[in-house]
Protein backbone atom coordinates (compact mmCIF):
# COMPACT_ATOMS: atom_id res chain seq x y z
CA MET A 1 0.00 0.00 0.00
CA ILE A 2 1.17 3.51 -0.87
CA HIS A 3 0.17 6.16 1.66
CA VAL A 4 -0.36 9.58 0.10
CA ALA A 5 -0.58 13.06 1.64
CA VAL A 6 -2.22 15.99 -0.14
CA LEU A 7 -0.93 19.50 0.62
CA GLY A 8 -3.73 22.01 0.10
CA TYR A 9 -7.41 21.08 -0.06
CA GLY A 10 -8.45 23.70 -2.58
CA THR A 11 -9.60 23.19 -6.15
CA VAL A 12 -6.82 20.89 -7.34
CA GLY A 13 -6.16 19.21 -3.98
CA SER A 14 -9.79 18.21 -3.51
CA GLY A 15 -9.74 17.05 -7.14
CA VAL A 16 -6.79 14.75 -6.42
CA VAL A 17 -8.73 13.10 -3.60
CA GLU A 18 -11.81 12.80 -5.81
CA VAL A 19 -9.89 11.23 -8.70
CA ILE A 20 -8.17 8.67 -6.46
CA GLU A 21 -11.39 7.73 -4.70
CA THR A 22 -13.61 7.70 -7.82
CA ASN A 23 -11.22 5.69 -10.00
CA LYS A 24 -9.71 3.67 -7.15
CA LYS A 25 -10.13 0.26 -8.78
CA ASP A 26 -8.46 1.21 -12.08
CA ILE A 27 -5.78 3.35 -10.45
CA ASN A 28 -4.77 0.63 -8.00
CA LYS A 29 -4.57 -1.85 -10.87
CA ARG A 30 -2.29 0.43 -12.87
CA ALA A 31 -0.17 1.27 -9.84
CA ALA A 32 0.08 -2.45 -8.96
CA THR A 33 -0.67 -1.50 -5.36
CA GLU A 34 -3.36 0.25 -3.34
CA LEU A 35 -3.23 4.03 -2.95
CA ASN A 36 -4.49 5.44 0.32
CA ILE A 37 -5.04 9.12 1.15
CA LYS A 38 -3.67 9.26 4.69
CA TYR A 39 -3.44 13.01 5.29
CA ILE A 40 -4.80 16.25 3.87
CA LEU A 41 -2.91 19.36 4.98
CA ASP A 42 -4.82 22.63 5.15
CA LEU A 43 -5.17 25.58 7.50
CA ARG A 44 -8.96 25.18 7.45
CA ASP A 45 -11.30 22.59 8.88
CA PHE A 46 -13.90 20.93 6.67
CA PRO A 47 -16.80 19.88 8.89
CA GLY A 48 -19.11 17.47 7.08
CA ASP A 49 -16.57 16.66 4.39
CA PRO A 50 -16.21 12.90 3.76
CA TYR A 51 -12.47 13.20 4.41
CA GLU A 52 -12.52 15.63 7.36
CA SER A 53 -10.90 13.00 9.61
CA LYS A 54 -7.79 13.04 7.37
CA VAL A 55 -7.26 16.81 7.65
CA VAL A 56 -4.22 17.94 9.64
CA HIS A 57 -2.83 21.45 10.20
CA ASP A 58 0.78 20.62 10.99
CA TYR A 59 3.12 19.60 8.16
CA GLU A 60 5.46 17.90 10.63
CA VAL A 61 2.85 15.17 11.13
CA ILE A 62 3.20 14.23 7.45
CA LEU A 63 6.95 14.68 7.24
CA ASN A 64 7.60 12.51 10.30
CA ASP A 65 5.29 9.68 9.28
CA PRO A 66 7.45 6.98 7.65
CA GLU A 67 4.37 5.41 6.04
CA VAL A 68 3.83 8.44 3.79
CA THR A 69 5.94 7.95 0.68
CA VAL A 70 4.18 10.22 -1.85
CA ILE A 71 3.11 13.84 -1.36
CA CYS A 72 0.84 15.79 -3.71
CA GLU A 73 1.74 19.49 -3.50
CA THR A 74 -1.28 21.45 -4.76
CA MET A 75 -0.83 24.58 -2.65
CA GLY A 76 0.45 26.89 -5.38
CA GLY A 77 2.94 29.72 -4.97
CA ILE A 78 6.52 29.53 -3.77
CA ASN A 79 6.17 29.60 0.01
CA PRO A 80 5.65 27.40 1.92
CA ALA A 81 5.39 24.98 -1.05
CA TYR A 82 9.13 25.15 -1.77
CA ASP A 83 10.15 24.44 1.82
CA PHE A 84 7.61 21.62 2.19
CA SER A 85 8.61 20.02 -1.13
CA LYS A 86 12.34 20.24 -0.47
CA ARG A 87 12.07 18.77 3.02
CA ALA A 88 9.91 15.93 1.72
CA LEU A 89 12.45 15.06 -1.00
CA LEU A 90 15.34 15.23 1.49
CA ALA A 91 13.40 12.72 3.58
CA GLY A 92 13.07 10.41 0.55
CA LYS A 93 9.38 11.11 -0.06
CA SER A 94 8.34 11.65 -3.69
CA VAL A 95 6.50 14.85 -4.57
CA CYS A 96 3.93 15.31 -7.35
CA THR A 97 2.91 18.87 -8.10
CA SER A 98 0.73 21.09 -10.26
CA ASN A 99 2.65 24.19 -9.15
CA LYS A 100 4.10 25.77 -12.31
CA GLU A 101 5.50 28.74 -10.41
CA LEU A 102 7.51 26.51 -8.11
CA VAL A 103 8.67 24.22 -10.92
CA ALA A 104 9.76 27.16 -13.09
CA ASN A 105 11.73 28.70 -10.19
CA HIS A 106 13.23 25.61 -8.52
CA GLY A 107 12.68 22.66 -10.87
CA PRO A 108 16.30 21.58 -11.47
CA GLU A 109 17.22 21.88 -7.78
CA LEU A 110 14.26 19.75 -6.65
CA ILE A 111 14.82 17.18 -9.41
CA SER A 112 18.47 16.90 -8.32
CA ILE A 113 17.50 16.41 -4.66
CA ALA A 114 15.01 13.71 -5.65
CA ARG A 115 17.68 11.91 -7.68
CA GLU A 116 20.12 12.02 -4.76
CA HIS A 117 17.53 10.57 -2.36
CA HIS A 118 16.12 7.89 -4.72
CA CYS A 119 12.68 9.40 -5.00
CA ASN A 120 10.85 11.56 -7.54
CA TYR A 121 9.83 15.13 -8.21
CA LEU A 122 7.12 14.93 -10.91
CA PHE A 123 5.15 17.82 -12.42
CA GLU A 124 3.00 16.60 -15.31
CA ALA A 125 0.15 18.90 -14.26
CA SER A 126 2.29 22.06 -14.14
CA VAL A 127 2.17 22.87 -17.86
CA GLY A 128 -0.81 21.43 -19.69
CA GLY A 129 -3.21 20.71 -16.84
CA GLY A 130 -4.82 17.48 -18.01
CA ILE A 131 -2.82 17.34 -21.27
CA PRO A 132 0.01 14.78 -21.17
CA ILE A 133 3.12 16.62 -22.34
CA ILE A 134 5.90 16.20 -19.73
CA ARG A 135 5.79 12.42 -19.96
CA PRO A 136 5.85 12.37 -23.79
CA LEU A 137 8.89 14.66 -23.76
CA ASN A 138 10.66 12.48 -21.19
CA TYR A 139 9.64 9.08 -22.59
CA SER A 140 7.88 8.90 -25.93
CA LEU A 141 10.07 11.37 -27.81
CA THR A 142 13.47 10.28 -26.48
CA ALA A 143 14.61 9.27 -29.98
CA GLU A 144 13.99 12.81 -31.18
CA LYS A 145 15.96 16.01 -31.16
CA ILE A 146 13.15 18.40 -30.28
CA ASP A 147 13.96 21.66 -32.04
CA SER A 148 10.80 23.70 -31.46
CA ILE A 149 7.72 23.89 -29.26
CA THR A 150 4.78 26.23 -29.86
CA GLY A 151 1.76 26.18 -27.61
CA ILE A 152 -1.49 27.74 -26.50
CA LEU A 153 -0.75 27.29 -22.81
CA ASN A 154 -3.34 29.40 -21.01
CA GLY A 155 -7.04 28.58 -21.06
CA THR A 156 -8.17 31.96 -19.71
CA THR A 157 -6.57 34.00 -22.49
CA ASN A 158 -7.63 31.51 -25.13
CA TYR A 159 -11.23 31.73 -23.91
CA ILE A 160 -11.10 35.54 -24.04
CA LEU A 161 -9.59 35.64 -27.53
CA THR A 162 -12.06 33.04 -28.82
CA LYS A 163 -15.02 35.06 -27.55
CA MET A 164 -13.59 38.23 -29.07
CA ASP A 165 -13.15 36.41 -32.37
CA LYS A 166 -16.57 34.75 -32.49
CA GLU A 167 -18.67 37.57 -31.03
CA GLY A 168 -16.77 40.74 -31.93
CA ALA A 169 -16.65 41.73 -28.26
CA ASP A 170 -14.00 43.92 -26.63
CA PHE A 171 -11.35 42.67 -24.22
CA GLU A 172 -12.72 44.23 -21.02
CA GLU A 173 -16.23 42.91 -21.71
CA VAL A 174 -15.07 39.34 -22.24
CA LEU A 175 -12.65 39.46 -19.30
CA LYS A 176 -15.54 40.33 -16.97
CA GLU A 177 -17.56 37.43 -18.38
CA ALA A 178 -14.60 35.09 -17.90
CA GLN A 179 -14.29 36.22 -14.28
CA ASP A 180 -18.03 35.71 -13.69
CA LYS A 181 -17.74 32.14 -15.04
CA GLY A 182 -14.67 31.38 -12.93
CA TYR A 183 -12.32 31.09 -15.91
CA ALA A 184 -10.36 34.17 -14.84
CA GLU A 185 -9.16 35.24 -11.40
CA ARG A 186 -10.34 38.47 -9.77
CA ASN A 187 -6.77 39.65 -10.40
CA PRO A 188 -6.17 38.26 -13.91
CA GLU A 189 -2.71 39.78 -14.39
CA ALA A 190 -0.79 36.47 -14.45
CA ASP A 191 -3.00 35.21 -17.27
CA VAL A 192 -3.70 38.26 -19.43
CA GLU A 193 -0.14 39.64 -19.23
CA GLY A 194 1.28 36.28 -20.33
CA TYR A 195 3.18 35.45 -17.11
CA ASP A 196 1.46 32.09 -16.67
CA ALA A 197 2.26 31.00 -20.23
CA CYS A 198 5.82 32.27 -19.77
CA ARG A 199 6.48 29.97 -16.81
CA LYS A 200 5.00 27.03 -18.70
CA ILE A 201 7.10 27.53 -21.83
CA ALA A 202 10.17 27.93 -19.58
CA ILE A 203 9.48 24.46 -18.14
CA LEU A 204 8.93 22.91 -21.59
CA SER A 205 12.01 24.67 -22.97
CA SER A 206 14.14 23.33 -20.12
CA LEU A 207 13.00 19.78 -20.85
CA MET A 208 13.56 20.35 -24.54
CA CYS A 209 17.22 21.33 -24.14
CA GLY A 210 17.97 19.48 -20.88
CA LYS A 211 19.25 22.63 -19.20
CA ASN A 212 17.63 25.48 -17.27
CA VAL A 213 15.73 28.13 -19.21
CA LYS A 214 14.95 31.00 -16.83
CA TYR A 215 11.49 32.43 -17.35
CA GLU A 216 12.75 35.90 -16.39
CA GLU A 217 14.78 35.99 -19.63
CA ILE A 218 11.82 35.17 -21.90
CA TYR A 219 10.26 38.10 -23.76
CA THR A 220 6.62 38.19 -22.64
CA GLU A 221 3.69 40.17 -23.99
CA GLY A 222 0.04 39.72 -23.01
CA ILE A 223 -3.31 40.28 -24.70
CA THR A 224 -4.50 43.51 -23.05
CA LYS A 225 -3.83 45.57 -26.20
CA ILE A 226 -5.84 43.28 -28.48
CA SER A 227 -9.15 44.84 -29.56
CA SER A 228 -12.24 43.79 -31.49
CA ALA A 229 -10.89 45.82 -34.42
CA ASP A 230 -7.83 43.56 -34.59
CA PHE A 231 -10.13 40.60 -35.13
CA LEU A 232 -11.93 42.39 -37.98
CA TYR A 233 -8.62 42.70 -39.76
CA ALA A 234 -7.65 39.13 -38.87
CA LYS A 235 -10.84 37.76 -40.44
CA GLN A 236 -10.20 39.80 -43.57
CA MET A 237 -6.82 38.03 -43.74
CA ASN A 238 -8.34 34.57 -43.01
CA LYS A 239 -6.54 34.48 -39.69
CA SER A 240 -7.24 34.59 -35.97
CA VAL A 241 -5.31 35.89 -32.96
CA LYS A 242 -3.87 33.51 -30.36
CA LEU A 243 -1.54 34.01 -27.42
CA LEU A 244 1.36 31.73 -28.29
CA ALA A 245 4.28 30.57 -26.16
CA MET A 246 7.18 29.30 -28.25
CA SER A 247 10.76 28.19 -28.07
CA ARG A 248 13.23 26.88 -30.58
CA ASP A 249 16.85 25.94 -30.88
CA THR A 250 18.51 28.23 -33.42
CA GLU A 251 21.97 28.70 -34.88
CA ASN A 252 22.32 31.88 -32.83
CA GLY A 253 21.20 30.36 -29.53
CA PHE A 254 18.04 29.40 -27.68
CA PHE A 255 15.00 31.50 -28.57
CA ALA A 256 11.81 31.79 -26.50
CA MET A 257 8.94 34.24 -26.30
CA VAL A 258 5.27 34.70 -25.37
CA ALA A 259 3.10 37.06 -27.44
CA PRO A 260 -0.13 37.35 -29.44
CA PHE A 261 0.20 36.12 -33.02
CA MET A 262 -2.05 36.09 -36.04
CA ILE A 263 -2.26 32.51 -37.31
CA SER A 264 -3.79 31.19 -40.51
CA LYS A 265 -6.65 28.71 -40.82
CA GLU A 266 -4.20 26.12 -42.14
CA HIS A 267 -2.26 25.96 -38.87
CA PRO A 268 -3.38 23.22 -36.42
CA LEU A 269 -3.43 25.70 -33.52
CA TYR A 270 -6.07 27.82 -35.31
CA CYS A 271 -8.82 25.39 -34.25
CA VAL A 272 -7.86 25.40 -30.55
CA ASN A 273 -10.64 27.43 -28.97
CA ASP A 274 -12.26 28.36 -25.65
CA VAL A 275 -10.49 27.00 -22.54
CA PHE A 276 -8.67 24.30 -24.47
CA ASN A 277 -4.88 24.27 -24.77
CA ALA A 278 -2.53 22.61 -27.24
CA ILE A 279 1.21 22.04 -27.52
CA TYR A 280 2.73 21.71 -31.00
CA VAL A 281 6.08 19.91 -30.97
CA HIS A 282 8.56 19.47 -33.80
CA GLY A 283 11.22 16.75 -33.76
CA ASN A 284 13.91 16.26 -36.37
CA MET A 285 12.81 12.69 -37.16
CA LEU A 286 9.10 12.58 -36.29
CA GLY A 287 8.26 16.02 -37.61
CA ASP A 288 5.15 17.61 -36.11
CA SER A 289 2.98 16.25 -33.28
CA MET A 290 0.31 18.00 -31.24
CA TYR A 291 -1.07 17.42 -27.74
CA TYR A 292 -4.54 18.84 -27.11
CA GLY A 293 -7.02 19.00 -24.24
CA ARG A 294 -8.18 20.92 -21.20
CA GLY A 295 -5.23 22.86 -19.89
CA ALA A 296 -6.79 23.71 -16.54
CA GLY A 297 -9.72 22.88 -14.27
CA LYS A 298 -10.15 20.86 -11.13
CA LEU A 299 -10.42 17.30 -12.44
CA PRO A 300 -8.22 17.51 -15.57
CA THR A 301 -5.35 18.95 -13.50
CA ALA A 302 -5.96 16.52 -10.65
CA SER A 303 -5.95 13.63 -13.11
CA ALA A 304 -2.45 14.62 -14.23
CA VAL A 305 -1.25 14.84 -10.61
CA VAL A 306 -2.61 11.36 -9.89
CA SER A 307 -0.90 9.99 -13.01
CA ASP A 308 2.36 11.12 -11.41
CA VAL A 309 1.38 9.42 -8.14
CA VAL A 310 0.90 6.17 -10.08
CA ASP A 311 4.35 6.65 -11.64
CA CYS A 312 5.84 7.09 -8.15
CA ALA A 313 4.08 3.93 -6.97
CA ARG A 314 5.57 1.99 -9.86
CA HIS A 315 9.07 3.33 -9.17
CA GLN A 316 9.44 3.08 -5.41
CA GLY A 317 13.13 3.58 -4.58
CA LYS A 318 13.92 4.56 -8.17
CA THR A 319 14.10 7.92 -9.90
CA VAL A 320 12.04 8.46 -13.04
CA MET A 321 14.12 9.79 -15.91
CA CYS A 322 14.05 13.58 -16.32
CA PHE A 323 16.80 15.54 -18.08
CA TRP A 324 16.82 19.05 -16.62
CA GLU A 325 20.21 20.14 -15.36
CA ASN A 326 20.94 23.21 -13.26
CA GLU A 327 23.13 24.87 -15.91
CA ASP A 328 21.42 28.00 -17.24
CA VAL A 329 20.83 28.47 -20.95
CA LYS A 330 21.22 31.97 -22.31
CA VAL A 331 18.03 33.04 -24.07
CA VAL A 332 18.86 35.17 -27.10
CA ASN A 333 17.41 38.65 -27.55
CA ILE A 334 14.42 38.62 -29.89
CA GLU A 335 15.66 41.67 -31.84
CA ASN A 336 17.19 39.48 -34.56
CA ASP A 337 14.15 37.25 -34.95
CA LYS A 338 12.50 37.63 -38.35
CA GLY A 339 8.85 37.68 -39.32
CA LYS A 340 5.97 39.66 -40.77
CA PHE A 341 3.92 42.14 -38.76
CA PHE A 342 0.33 43.34 -38.97
CA VAL A 343 0.23 47.06 -38.18
CA ARG A 344 -2.46 49.69 -37.55
CA VAL A 345 -1.57 53.39 -37.66
CA ASP A 346 -3.55 56.63 -37.73
CA SER A 347 -4.53 57.51 -41.30
CA ASP A 348 -2.42 60.68 -41.25
CA LYS A 349 0.66 58.41 -40.96
CA LYS A 350 -0.14 56.47 -44.14
CA ASP A 351 2.44 58.20 -46.34
CA ALA A 352 5.10 57.97 -43.64
CA ALA A 353 4.38 54.25 -43.20
CA ILE A 354 4.66 53.59 -46.94
CA GLU A 355 7.92 55.51 -47.05
CA ALA A 356 9.35 53.71 -43.98
CA PHE A 357 8.26 50.18 -44.83
CA GLY A 358 8.41 50.30 -48.62
CA ALA A 359 6.57 47.29 -50.02
CA LEU A 360 3.56 46.48 -47.84
CA ALA A 361 0.11 44.92 -48.21
CA GLU A 362 -2.78 47.22 -47.23
CA ILE A 363 -5.65 45.65 -45.25
CA ASN A 364 -8.96 47.53 -45.40
CA VAL A 365 -12.06 46.69 -43.35
CA GLY A 366 -13.66 50.13 -43.50
CA ILE A 367 -12.48 51.53 -40.17
CA GLU A 368 -12.19 55.29 -40.53
CA LYS A 369 -9.07 57.24 -39.67
CA GLU A 370 -6.88 54.11 -39.76
CA PHE A 371 -4.40 52.68 -42.19
CA ALA A 372 -3.61 48.99 -41.68
CA PHE A 373 -1.05 46.88 -43.46
CA MET A 374 1.12 43.77 -43.37
CA THR A 375 4.88 44.19 -43.63
CA GLN A 376 7.40 42.13 -45.50
CA VAL A 377 9.71 39.83 -43.51
CA MET A 378 12.05 41.81 -41.28
CA THR A 379 13.79 41.58 -37.93
CA GLU A 380 12.21 42.79 -34.71
CA LYS A 381 14.83 45.54 -34.53
CA GLU A 382 14.17 46.69 -38.08
CA PHE A 383 10.44 46.83 -37.38
CA ASN A 384 10.85 48.75 -34.13
CA ASP A 385 13.18 51.26 -35.80
CA LYS A 386 10.68 51.89 -38.61
CA ILE A 387 7.72 52.25 -36.23
CA GLU A 388 9.68 54.67 -34.07
CA LYS A 389 10.55 56.65 -37.20
CA ILE A 390 6.85 57.22 -38.02
CA GLY A 391 5.92 58.03 -34.44
CA GLY A 392 4.38 54.77 -33.20
CA CYS A 393 1.26 52.79 -34.08
CA ILE A 394 -2.19 51.96 -32.75
CA ASN A 395 -1.24 48.29 -32.47
CA ARG A 396 0.93 45.68 -34.07
CA ILE A 397 0.61 41.89 -34.00
CA ARG A 398 3.20 39.43 -35.20
CA ILE A 399 2.18 36.96 -37.91
CA LEU A 400 3.08 33.30 -37.42
CA SER A 401 4.82 31.88 -40.46
CA ALA A 402 3.34 28.71 -41.93
């Protein structure tokens, strides 16, 4: 029997308990042993809850119980999750987590501690929620040299952009609706400014190259400047707007960024709508593969945590393979990255824009006092220099190449 402790009895933590109890028969069969929730750590009491007798308020009770061999950390944030996770691993207890912030900040250190103490630090749920992506990168694609990853990694922003696309609504209007439905937090900054997607692509990038990609070095841009007018232009161009997180191994170094992009109907990520997420992976032998599903939510995320618990049960006393070393990778500046840009400027800047950009493709949807166009391929630096020369723009969105 494997005794499990759950840290945090919120949305994901209660989901972990529900998944284990609901699918107990199948899970125990796949784990080749019985899983038992022995403790639930939380500051609160839960009178009337079916598992109230398992709730404890002191972490030391869990840490000092030799029967507990697997801990599910679903608290979120850095503290006290980091301290609790580290102490558990030092004691030889495996930790399974959904905490992307903690993994992005301390992943290689905690993986190294787990390896040294013959246990595991697993984090399948930290990137794609219920979408399997960590395990495929660590197991299924080991024959590949992964050279690029592009993903829609945040369900909140994808929901907002989908509603704006389908209904012609403005950002603030859809954000409020997303908050009312529970898809967005009261403080949505981490989602709408791209910080959540940034941490997730940092984790995937680190697994892709086997070294540490620091999220602080990744250029990150959110969706707060996207308007309903941008979607009118996008439809005219047979495109949509998605918040993409991407990384790739280039001749000049490791490249990563998070930003809104216009993507064409031919791209597989075009059809990823609402709260769904997808990760598009390219390997040098396999070519393209895509992993799609619910990237957040109580039960999808909890299901991924429990899949890690099953992996720990199967590998008692052994460390599951994970190549993520503590050596930092330098992320190259995006200024030399090349691509096309969709641009909106005030109509009185039309002549200046034509002079600065030369050959361009005008896009007209009948919006007065605007001139919109698509540039030729150029570097980020070249684009920024030209835009500065004409005195700025209303908005600009990068265009994803086919």
